[in-house]
Amino acid sequence: MAKIKVTQVKSSIKRLQNQKRTLEALGLRKIGQVVQHEDTPNVMGMIDRVKHLVSVEEVK
């Protein structure tokens, strides 16, 4: 499977509780933090929920 790099670009302050929990589940805690995940349907669904707070790149 392909790997993706997820970076938090916006704050989770004043966001819905489920969006905050989704960021936490992805392993993101602060702006600028980068994590790598496998490109699975579960992870992509979580990213879709917070797509306005993160940026996604494919790792080569």
Protein backbone atom coordinates (compact mmCIF):
# COMPACT_ATOMS: atom_id res chain seq x y z
CA MET A 1 0.00 0.00 0.00
CA ALA A 2 1.02 3.58 -0.57
CA LYS A 3 1.98 5.85 2.27
CA ILE A 4 0.65 9.36 2.78
CA LYS A 5 2.01 12.28 4.76
CA VAL A 6 -0.57 14.29 6.72
CA THR A 7 0.28 17.77 8.02
CA GLN A 8 -1.92 19.85 10.31
CA VAL A 9 -2.16 23.36 8.86
CA LYS A 10 -4.96 24.91 10.92
CA SER A 11 -5.84 24.97 14.60
CA SER A 12 -8.41 22.71 16.23
CA ILE A 13 -9.58 25.51 18.53
CA LYS A 14 -13.30 26.31 18.10
CA ARG A 15 -13.86 23.11 16.11
CA LEU A 16 -16.43 20.42 16.76
CA GLN A 17 -15.48 17.75 19.28
CA ASN A 18 -15.57 14.99 16.65
CA GLN A 19 -13.07 16.93 14.50
CA LYS A 20 -10.73 17.35 17.48
CA ARG A 21 -10.94 13.62 18.20
CA THR A 22 -10.29 12.77 14.57
CA LEU A 23 -7.12 14.88 14.55
CA GLU A 24 -6.03 13.17 17.76
CA ALA A 25 -6.71 9.74 16.26
CA LEU A 26 -4.54 10.66 13.28
CA GLY A 27 -1.75 11.53 15.72
CA LEU A 28 -1.88 15.29 15.17
CA ARG A 29 -1.66 17.59 18.18
CA LYS A 30 -0.27 20.92 16.95
CA ILE A 31 0.02 23.00 13.80
CA GLY A 32 2.90 21.95 11.57
CA GLN A 33 3.08 18.41 12.93
CA VAL A 34 3.54 15.73 10.28
CA VAL A 35 2.57 12.05 10.50
CA GLN A 36 2.71 9.19 8.00
CA HIS A 37 -0.06 6.65 7.53
CA GLU A 38 -0.93 3.86 5.13
CA ASP A 39 -3.40 4.84 2.41
CA THR A 40 -6.34 2.80 3.72
CA PRO A 41 -10.06 3.56 3.41
CA ASN A 42 -10.28 4.11 7.19
CA VAL A 43 -7.52 6.72 7.23
CA MET A 44 -8.83 8.43 4.10
CA GLY A 45 -12.28 8.69 5.69
CA MET A 46 -10.76 10.32 8.76
CA ILE A 47 -8.83 12.75 6.57
CA ASP A 48 -12.02 13.59 4.66
CA ARG A 49 -13.64 14.65 7.96
CA VAL A 50 -10.88 17.17 8.69
CA LYS A 51 -9.72 18.05 5.17
CA HIS A 52 -10.08 21.77 5.93
CA LEU A 53 -7.53 21.45 8.77
CA VAL A 54 -4.85 19.27 7.13
CA SER A 55 -2.83 18.89 3.95
CA VAL A 56 -2.06 15.50 2.43
CA GLU A 57 0.90 14.42 0.29
CA GLU A 58 1.83 11.05 -1.16
CA VAL A 59 5.19 9.69 0.02
CA LYS A 60 7.41 8.39 -2.76
